[in-house]
Amino acid sequence: MAEVVELQKLKLAELKQECAARGLEVKGNKGDLIARLQAYLEEHGDEEVNEEEVLGEEPEELTKVVEEAIVQKEVKKQAPPPAPVPEKKVVKITPPISLDERLQKRAERFNVPPSTDAKKAIRAARFGIPVSPPNSTQGSMNNKPGVNVDVLKKRAQRFGMNVSSLSKKVEEDEKLKKRKERFGIITSAAAAIDDTEAKKRKRAERFG
């Protein structure tokens, strides 16, 4: 607020602004405006707002705001930190190794080429073929089918041999085998002799 002594220092435009701010008439010269302002200030001096009091209130409000901000920061510091989320462990499950891969890895580890049986096993495992163990010679001999009489007859007719003699020979051989089996006197040597004699008979009959 401009004091009474300072009104003399104000310019005409500034005096008009002071008058307008207080609702006074702005017409007239500088002396008229000063007189109006002095009269107004003398009447309403106690009602004027003290600028120092207004400015003095502002720091208190600022201090309140600052104190509230400090309290909020302290509360945040005192709050416990959030618990860390446990990490999930990922377990990789490897599929079982097939026979093919196992044999290949073993051959690569020892720098040895796989054997024939191993190759067969690898190929069978690759294509899903069951691997059968090799049959022994004895088993293959025991599993031979019996003599087919019809086949022998057809073969004899083809080569011009006597069918009746051939059929008789086959029947005699069958009877001998059954008799020996009944009394349990078949041996490997006897079987070999019978085979040799049978071959001789067949050769003799074939060539007349």
C-alpha atoms as a PDB file:
ATOM      1  CA  MET A   1       0.000   0.000   0.000  1.00  0.00           C
ATOM      2  CA  ALA A   2       1.315   3.472  -0.823  1.00  0.00           C
ATOM      3  CA  GLU A   3       1.718   5.715   2.210  1.00  0.00           C
ATOM      4  CA  VAL A   4       0.563   9.371   2.329  1.00  0.00           C
ATOM      5  CA  VAL A   5       4.120  10.683   2.011  1.00  0.00           C
ATOM      6  CA  GLU A   6       4.785   8.501  -1.018  1.00  0.00           C
ATOM      7  CA  LEU A   7       1.724   9.755  -2.902  1.00  0.00           C
ATOM      8  CA  GLN A   8       3.641  12.842  -3.878  1.00  0.00           C
ATOM      9  CA  LYS A   9       6.234  10.694  -5.649  1.00  0.00           C
ATOM     10  CA  LEU A  10       3.700   8.797  -7.751  1.00  0.00           C
ATOM     11  CA  LYS A  11       2.987   9.765 -11.314  1.00  0.00           C
ATOM     12  CA  LEU A  12      -0.422  10.744 -12.647  1.00  0.00           C
ATOM     13  CA  ALA A  13      -1.022   7.322 -14.197  1.00  0.00           C
ATOM     14  CA  GLU A  14      -0.054   5.569 -10.963  1.00  0.00           C
ATOM     15  CA  LEU A  15      -2.325   7.821  -8.936  1.00  0.00           C
ATOM     16  CA  LYS A  16      -5.206   6.975 -11.268  1.00  0.00           C
ATOM     17  CA  GLN A  17      -4.525   3.264 -10.719  1.00  0.00           C
ATOM     18  CA  GLU A  18      -4.562   3.716  -6.931  1.00  0.00           C
ATOM     19  CA  CYS A  19      -7.843   5.601  -7.153  1.00  0.00           C
ATOM     20  CA  ALA A  20      -9.403   3.005  -9.441  1.00  0.00           C
ATOM     21  CA  ALA A  21      -8.284   0.219  -7.077  1.00  0.00           C
ATOM     22  CA  ARG A  22     -10.153   1.894  -4.215  1.00  0.00           C
ATOM     23  CA  GLY A  23     -13.229   2.822  -6.264  1.00  0.00           C
ATOM     24  CA  LEU A  24     -12.437   6.542  -6.370  1.00  0.00           C
ATOM     25  CA  GLU A  25     -12.988   8.884  -9.286  1.00  0.00           C
ATOM     26  CA  VAL A  26      -9.943   9.049 -11.609  1.00  0.00           C
ATOM     27  CA  LYS A  27     -10.789  12.413 -13.217  1.00  0.00           C
ATOM     28  CA  GLY A  28      -8.832  15.496 -12.324  1.00  0.00           C
ATOM     29  CA  ASN A  29      -5.250  16.630 -12.060  1.00  0.00           C
ATOM     30  CA  LYS A  30      -2.491  15.183  -9.896  1.00  0.00           C
ATOM     31  CA  GLY A  31      -3.365  17.344  -6.890  1.00  0.00           C
ATOM     32  CA  ASP A  32      -7.015  16.261  -6.981  1.00  0.00           C
ATOM     33  CA  LEU A  33      -6.065  12.588  -7.112  1.00  0.00           C
ATOM     34  CA  ILE A  34      -3.626  12.950  -4.192  1.00  0.00           C
ATOM     35  CA  ALA A  35      -6.268  14.728  -2.120  1.00  0.00           C
ATOM     36  CA  ARG A  36      -8.836  11.966  -2.791  1.00  0.00           C
ATOM     37  CA  LEU A  37      -6.344   9.237  -1.862  1.00  0.00           C
ATOM     38  CA  GLN A  38      -5.283  11.016   1.353  1.00  0.00           C
ATOM     39  CA  ALA A  39      -8.881  11.458   2.422  1.00  0.00           C
ATOM     40  CA  TYR A  40      -9.650   7.794   1.713  1.00  0.00           C
ATOM     41  CA  LEU A  41      -6.601   6.571   3.585  1.00  0.00           C
ATOM     42  CA  GLU A  42      -7.405   8.669   6.616  1.00  0.00           C
ATOM     43  CA  GLU A  43     -10.942   7.247   6.746  1.00  0.00           C
ATOM     44  CA  HIS A  44     -10.182   3.624   5.871  1.00  0.00           C
ATOM     45  CA  GLY A  45      -6.600   3.241   7.098  1.00  0.00           C
ATOM     46  CA  ASP A  46      -7.456   0.531   9.659  1.00  0.00           C
ATOM     47  CA  GLU A  47      -9.317  -1.550   7.063  1.00  0.00           C
ATOM     48  CA  GLU A  48      -6.341  -1.750   4.702  1.00  0.00           C
ATOM     49  CA  VAL A  49      -4.691  -5.093   4.613  1.00  0.00           C
ATOM     50  CA  ASN A  50      -1.174  -5.166   5.908  1.00  0.00           C
ATOM     51  CA  GLU A  51       1.065  -6.638   3.249  1.00  0.00           C
ATOM     52  CA  GLU A  52       3.639  -7.739   5.779  1.00  0.00           C
ATOM     53  CA  GLU A  53       1.051  -9.823   7.628  1.00  0.00           C
ATOM     54  CA  VAL A  54      -0.023 -11.468   4.365  1.00  0.00           C
ATOM     55  CA  LEU A  55       3.542 -12.248   3.456  1.00  0.00           C
ATOM     56  CA  GLY A  56       4.209 -13.491   6.953  1.00  0.00           C
ATOM     57  CA  GLU A  57       1.510 -16.125   6.684  1.00  0.00           C
ATOM     58  CA  GLU A  58       2.960 -17.668   3.540  1.00  0.00           C
ATOM     59  CA  PRO A  59       6.131 -19.105   5.109  1.00  0.00           C
ATOM     60  CA  GLU A  60       4.044 -20.908   7.748  1.00  0.00           C
ATOM     61  CA  GLU A  61       1.977 -22.591   5.051  1.00  0.00           C
ATOM     62  CA  LEU A  62       5.129 -23.518   3.191  1.00  0.00           C
ATOM     63  CA  THR A  63       6.658 -25.028   6.314  1.00  0.00           C
ATOM     64  CA  LYS A  64       3.514 -27.104   6.851  1.00  0.00           C
ATOM     65  CA  VAL A  65       3.703 -28.466   3.299  1.00  0.00           C
ATOM     66  CA  VAL A  66       7.399 -29.240   3.699  1.00  0.00           C
ATOM     67  CA  GLU A  67       6.806 -31.002   7.022  1.00  0.00           C
ATOM     68  CA  GLU A  68       4.050 -33.152   5.516  1.00  0.00           C
ATOM     69  CA  ALA A  69       6.335 -34.138   2.634  1.00  0.00           C
ATOM     70  CA  ILE A  70       9.098 -35.102   5.095  1.00  0.00           C
ATOM     71  CA  VAL A  71       6.668 -37.233   7.135  1.00  0.00           C
ATOM     72  CA  GLN A  72       5.517 -39.077   4.003  1.00  0.00           C
ATOM     73  CA  LYS A  73       9.123 -39.830   3.036  1.00  0.00           C
ATOM     74  CA  GLU A  74       9.861 -41.197   6.514  1.00  0.00           C
ATOM     75  CA  VAL A  75       6.789 -43.430   6.373  1.00  0.00           C
ATOM     76  CA  LYS A  76       7.902 -44.814   3.017  1.00  0.00           C
ATOM     77  CA  LYS A  77      11.391 -45.502   4.388  1.00  0.00           C
ATOM     78  CA  GLN A  78      10.001 -47.321   7.432  1.00  0.00           C
ATOM     79  CA  ALA A  79       7.700 -49.505   5.327  1.00  0.00           C
ATOM     80  CA  PRO A  80       9.232 -53.000   4.778  1.00  0.00           C
ATOM     81  CA  PRO A  81      10.377 -53.723   1.229  1.00  0.00           C
ATOM     82  CA  PRO A  82       8.233 -56.175  -0.760  1.00  0.00           C
ATOM     83  CA  ALA A  83       9.273 -59.797  -0.460  1.00  0.00           C
ATOM     84  CA  PRO A  84      11.144 -61.060  -3.525  1.00  0.00           C
ATOM     85  CA  VAL A  85       9.200 -63.459  -5.710  1.00  0.00           C
ATOM     86  CA  PRO A  86      10.912 -66.877  -5.748  1.00  0.00           C
ATOM     87  CA  GLU A  87      12.166 -67.871  -9.149  1.00  0.00           C
ATOM     88  CA  LYS A  88      10.704 -70.987 -10.679  1.00  0.00           C
ATOM     89  CA  LYS A  89      13.284 -73.631 -11.418  1.00  0.00           C
ATOM     90  CA  VAL A  90      12.833 -75.173 -14.841  1.00  0.00           C
ATOM     91  CA  VAL A  91      13.886 -78.821 -14.995  1.00  0.00           C
ATOM     92  CA  LYS A  92      14.650 -80.075 -18.467  1.00  0.00           C
ATOM     93  CA  ILE A  93      13.463 -83.633 -19.046  1.00  0.00           C
ATOM     94  CA  THR A  94      15.539 -85.425 -21.639  1.00  0.00           C
ATOM     95  CA  PRO A  95      13.809 -88.253 -23.521  1.00  0.00           C
ATOM     96  CA  PRO A  96      15.251 -91.763 -23.080  1.00  0.00           C
ATOM     97  CA  ILE A  97      18.029 -92.623 -25.521  1.00  0.00           C
ATOM     98  CA  SER A  98      17.100 -95.271 -28.052  1.00  0.00           C
ATOM     99  CA  LEU A  99      19.228 -98.333 -28.812  1.00  0.00           C
ATOM    100  CA  ASP A 100      20.261 -96.797 -32.123  1.00  0.00           C
ATOM    101  CA  GLU A 101      21.638 -93.634 -30.519  1.00  0.00           C
ATOM    102  CA  ARG A 102      23.265 -95.580 -27.683  1.00  0.00           C
ATOM    103  CA  LEU A 103      25.222 -97.807 -30.091  1.00  0.00           C
ATOM    104  CA  GLN A 104      26.250 -94.847 -32.219  1.00  0.00           C
ATOM    105  CA  LYS A 105      27.513 -92.883 -29.186  1.00  0.00           C
ATOM    106  CA  ARG A 106      29.458 -95.873 -27.920  1.00  0.00           C
ATOM    107  CA  ALA A 107      31.096 -96.351 -31.324  1.00  0.00           C
ATOM    108  CA  GLU A 108      31.972 -92.649 -31.521  1.00  0.00           C
ATOM    109  CA  ARG A 109      33.375 -92.601 -27.971  1.00  0.00           C
ATOM    110  CA  PHE A 110      35.775 -95.499 -28.531  1.00  0.00           C
ATOM    111  CA  ASN A 111      36.398 -94.680 -32.218  1.00  0.00           C
ATOM    112  CA  VAL A 112      35.283 -98.177 -33.206  1.00  0.00           C
ATOM    113  CA  PRO A 113      33.045 -98.930 -36.199  1.00  0.00           C
ATOM    114  CA  PRO A 114      29.892-100.807 -35.212  1.00  0.00           C
ATOM    115  CA  SER A 115      29.797-104.542 -35.915  1.00  0.00           C
ATOM    116  CA  THR A 116      27.434-106.243 -38.333  1.00  0.00           C
ATOM    117  CA  ASP A 117      25.082-107.297 -35.544  1.00  0.00           C
ATOM    118  CA  ALA A 118      25.131-103.750 -34.179  1.00  0.00           C
ATOM    119  CA  LYS A 119      24.332-102.336 -37.623  1.00  0.00           C
ATOM    120  CA  LYS A 120      21.434-104.783 -37.941  1.00  0.00           C
ATOM    121  CA  ALA A 121      20.177-103.809 -34.509  1.00  0.00           C
ATOM    122  CA  ILE A 122      20.454-100.101 -35.385  1.00  0.00           C
ATOM    123  CA  ARG A 123      18.582-100.610 -38.648  1.00  0.00           C
ATOM    124  CA  ALA A 124      15.905-102.727 -36.962  1.00  0.00           C
ATOM    125  CA  ALA A 125      15.463-100.143 -34.196  1.00  0.00           C
ATOM    126  CA  ARG A 126      15.227 -97.341 -36.755  1.00  0.00           C
ATOM    127  CA  PHE A 127      12.467 -99.036 -38.754  1.00  0.00           C
ATOM    128  CA  GLY A 128      10.732-100.720 -35.798  1.00  0.00           C
ATOM    129  CA  ILE A 129      11.585-104.290 -36.876  1.00  0.00           C
ATOM    130  CA  PRO A 130      11.952-106.878 -34.072  1.00  0.00           C
ATOM    131  CA  VAL A 131      15.440-108.334 -33.882  1.00  0.00           C
ATOM    132  CA  SER A 132      15.463-112.150 -33.696  1.00  0.00           C
ATOM    133  CA  PRO A 133      18.576-113.976 -32.428  1.00  0.00           C
ATOM    134  CA  PRO A 134      20.432-116.104 -34.990  1.00  0.00           C
ATOM    135  CA  ASN A 135      19.290-119.716 -35.002  1.00  0.00           C
ATOM    136  CA  SER A 136      21.876-122.410 -34.437  1.00  0.00           C
ATOM    137  CA  THR A 137      22.626-125.060 -37.028  1.00  0.00           C
ATOM    138  CA  GLN A 138      21.242-127.753 -34.769  1.00  0.00           C
ATOM    139  CA  GLY A 139      17.925-125.953 -34.413  1.00  0.00           C
ATOM    140  CA  SER A 140      17.617-125.417 -38.148  1.00  0.00           C
ATOM    141  CA  MET A 141      18.296-129.073 -38.772  1.00  0.00           C
ATOM    142  CA  ASN A 142      15.677-130.142 -36.264  1.00  0.00           C
ATOM    143  CA  ASN A 143      13.108-127.735 -37.720  1.00  0.00           C
ATOM    144  CA  LYS A 144      13.270-129.147 -41.254  1.00  0.00           C
ATOM    145  CA  PRO A 145       9.855-130.112 -42.547  1.00  0.00           C
ATOM    146  CA  GLY A 146       9.058-133.748 -43.194  1.00  0.00           C
ATOM    147  CA  VAL A 147       9.224-135.369 -46.617  1.00  0.00           C
ATOM    148  CA  ASN A 148       6.232-134.563 -48.766  1.00  0.00           C
ATOM    149  CA  VAL A 149       5.257-137.655 -50.727  1.00  0.00           C
ATOM    150  CA  ASP A 150       3.327-135.719 -53.364  1.00  0.00           C
ATOM    151  CA  VAL A 151       6.275-133.489 -54.105  1.00  0.00           C
ATOM    152  CA  LEU A 152       8.537-136.498 -54.487  1.00  0.00           C
ATOM    153  CA  LYS A 153       6.059-138.152 -56.831  1.00  0.00           C
ATOM    154  CA  LYS A 154       5.834-135.081 -59.036  1.00  0.00           C
ATOM    155  CA  ARG A 155       9.594-134.783 -59.128  1.00  0.00           C
ATOM    156  CA  ALA A 156       9.925-138.469 -60.026  1.00  0.00           C
ATOM    157  CA  GLN A 157       7.416-138.128 -62.860  1.00  0.00           C
ATOM    158  CA  ARG A 158       9.270-135.090 -64.191  1.00  0.00           C
ATOM    159  CA  PHE A 159      12.553-136.952 -64.436  1.00  0.00           C
ATOM    160  CA  GLY A 160      10.991-140.205 -65.656  1.00  0.00           C
ATOM    161  CA  MET A 161      11.651-142.183 -62.486  1.00  0.00           C
ATOM    162  CA  ASN A 162       9.543-145.042 -61.122  1.00  0.00           C
ATOM    163  CA  VAL A 163       6.904-143.591 -58.888  1.00  0.00           C
ATOM    164  CA  SER A 164       5.882-146.812 -57.209  1.00  0.00           C
ATOM    165  CA  SER A 165       9.401-147.681 -56.124  1.00  0.00           C
ATOM    166  CA  LEU A 166       9.928-144.164 -54.831  1.00  0.00           C
ATOM    167  CA  SER A 167       6.742-144.221 -52.798  1.00  0.00           C
ATOM    168  CA  LYS A 168       7.630-147.614 -51.363  1.00  0.00           C
ATOM    169  CA  LYS A 169      11.050-146.354 -50.390  1.00  0.00           C
ATOM    170  CA  VAL A 170       9.533-143.346 -48.647  1.00  0.00           C
ATOM    171  CA  GLU A 171       7.063-145.522 -46.771  1.00  0.00           C
ATOM    172  CA  GLU A 172       9.847-147.868 -45.660  1.00  0.00           C
ATOM    173  CA  ASP A 173      11.913-144.942 -44.423  1.00  0.00           C
ATOM    174  CA  GLU A 174       8.977-143.590 -42.462  1.00  0.00           C
ATOM    175  CA  LYS A 175       8.319-147.005 -40.896  1.00  0.00           C
ATOM    176  CA  LEU A 176      11.949-147.382 -39.884  1.00  0.00           C
ATOM    177  CA  LYS A 177      12.008-143.941 -38.313  1.00  0.00           C
ATOM    178  CA  LYS A 178       8.830-144.587 -36.359  1.00  0.00           C
ATOM    179  CA  ARG A 179      10.105-147.966 -35.151  1.00  0.00           C
ATOM    180  CA  LYS A 180      13.392-146.491 -34.008  1.00  0.00           C
ATOM    181  CA  GLU A 181      11.618-143.638 -32.273  1.00  0.00           C
ATOM    182  CA  ARG A 182       9.346-146.102 -30.506  1.00  0.00           C
ATOM    183  CA  PHE A 183      12.232-148.117 -29.081  1.00  0.00           C
ATOM    184  CA  GLY A 184      14.491-145.088 -28.535  1.00  0.00           C
ATOM    185  CA  ILE A 185      17.482-146.369 -30.527  1.00  0.00           C
ATOM    186  CA  ILE A 186      17.969-143.320 -32.761  1.00  0.00           C
ATOM    187  CA  THR A 187      21.479-141.888 -32.474  1.00  0.00           C
ATOM    188  CA  SER A 188      23.333-139.270 -34.422  1.00  0.00           C
ATOM    189  CA  ALA A 189      25.481-141.896 -36.089  1.00  0.00           C
ATOM    190  CA  ALA A 190      22.471-143.964 -37.088  1.00  0.00           C
ATOM    191  CA  ALA A 191      20.742-140.905 -38.445  1.00  0.00           C
ATOM    192  CA  ALA A 192      23.826-140.040 -40.485  1.00  0.00           C
ATOM    193  CA  ILE A 193      23.958-143.577 -41.894  1.00  0.00           C
ATOM    194  CA  ASP A 194      20.285-143.469 -42.792  1.00  0.00           C
ATOM    195  CA  ASP A 195      20.776-140.147 -44.581  1.00  0.00           C
ATOM    196  CA  THR A 196      23.737-141.503 -46.523  1.00  0.00           C
ATOM    197  CA  GLU A 197      21.861-144.636 -47.551  1.00  0.00           C
ATOM    198  CA  ALA A 198      18.830-142.621 -48.549  1.00  0.00           C
ATOM    199  CA  LYS A 199      20.982-140.352 -50.718  1.00  0.00           C
ATOM    200  CA  LYS A 200      22.556-143.380 -52.390  1.00  0.00           C
ATOM    201  CA  ARG A 201      19.167-144.891 -53.135  1.00  0.00           C
ATOM    202  CA  LYS A 202      17.839-141.658 -54.583  1.00  0.00           C
ATOM    203  CA  ARG A 203      20.904-141.264 -56.785  1.00  0.00           C
ATOM    204  CA  ALA A 204      20.657-144.874 -57.992  1.00  0.00           C
ATOM    205  CA  GLU A 205      16.969-144.545 -58.783  1.00  0.00           C
ATOM    206  CA  ARG A 206      17.500-141.227 -60.559  1.00  0.00           C
ATOM    207  CA  PHE A 207      20.170-142.541 -62.884  1.00  0.00           C
ATOM    208  CA  GLY A 208      18.545-145.984 -63.330  1.00  0.00           C
END
